[in-house]
């Protein structure tokens, strides 16, 4: 089993940076992880997968997982969530995974499909992503009238052409 330092060194080498003693600085580690996430490929994803398990700062591990969840296949998302050490972080990431799964389902629906949903039970994060990305007219109409923030309502209304 690799240590966090070993994983950081391999990730830094892959990206072409020298972390040296800076790998002990959580801000520098986060910068490294973000660089890896900006151009995510299979080898970087594998190392970040280890980072999520080994990172001592739970918020940083959560941040990595949250940035990866939207870009990995849906069937891989639970594995990323379960790598998180902290219960609070796992719960938060699992809620995001559920939001992403719902977003994926609504993205795949035709614009006028008949489905039952309650936008008021959705997180603000999900409401905004739905308003920005879903073509389903009923969802957009409901978000334009009942979205939980002005931004969500405005975005949905704009997508409806209002």
Foldseek 3Di string as FASTA:
>chain_A
DDALVVLLCVLCVVLVHDCPPVVVPVVVSLVSLVSCLVPPDDVSVVSLLVCLQHPPDLVSSLVSLLSCLLPDPLVCNLSSLVSHDDPVSSVVSVLSSVLSVVLVVQQPDPQADDDDDDQVVRDLVSLQCCLQRGNHLVSLVCQLPPNPDPNSNVSSVVSVVD
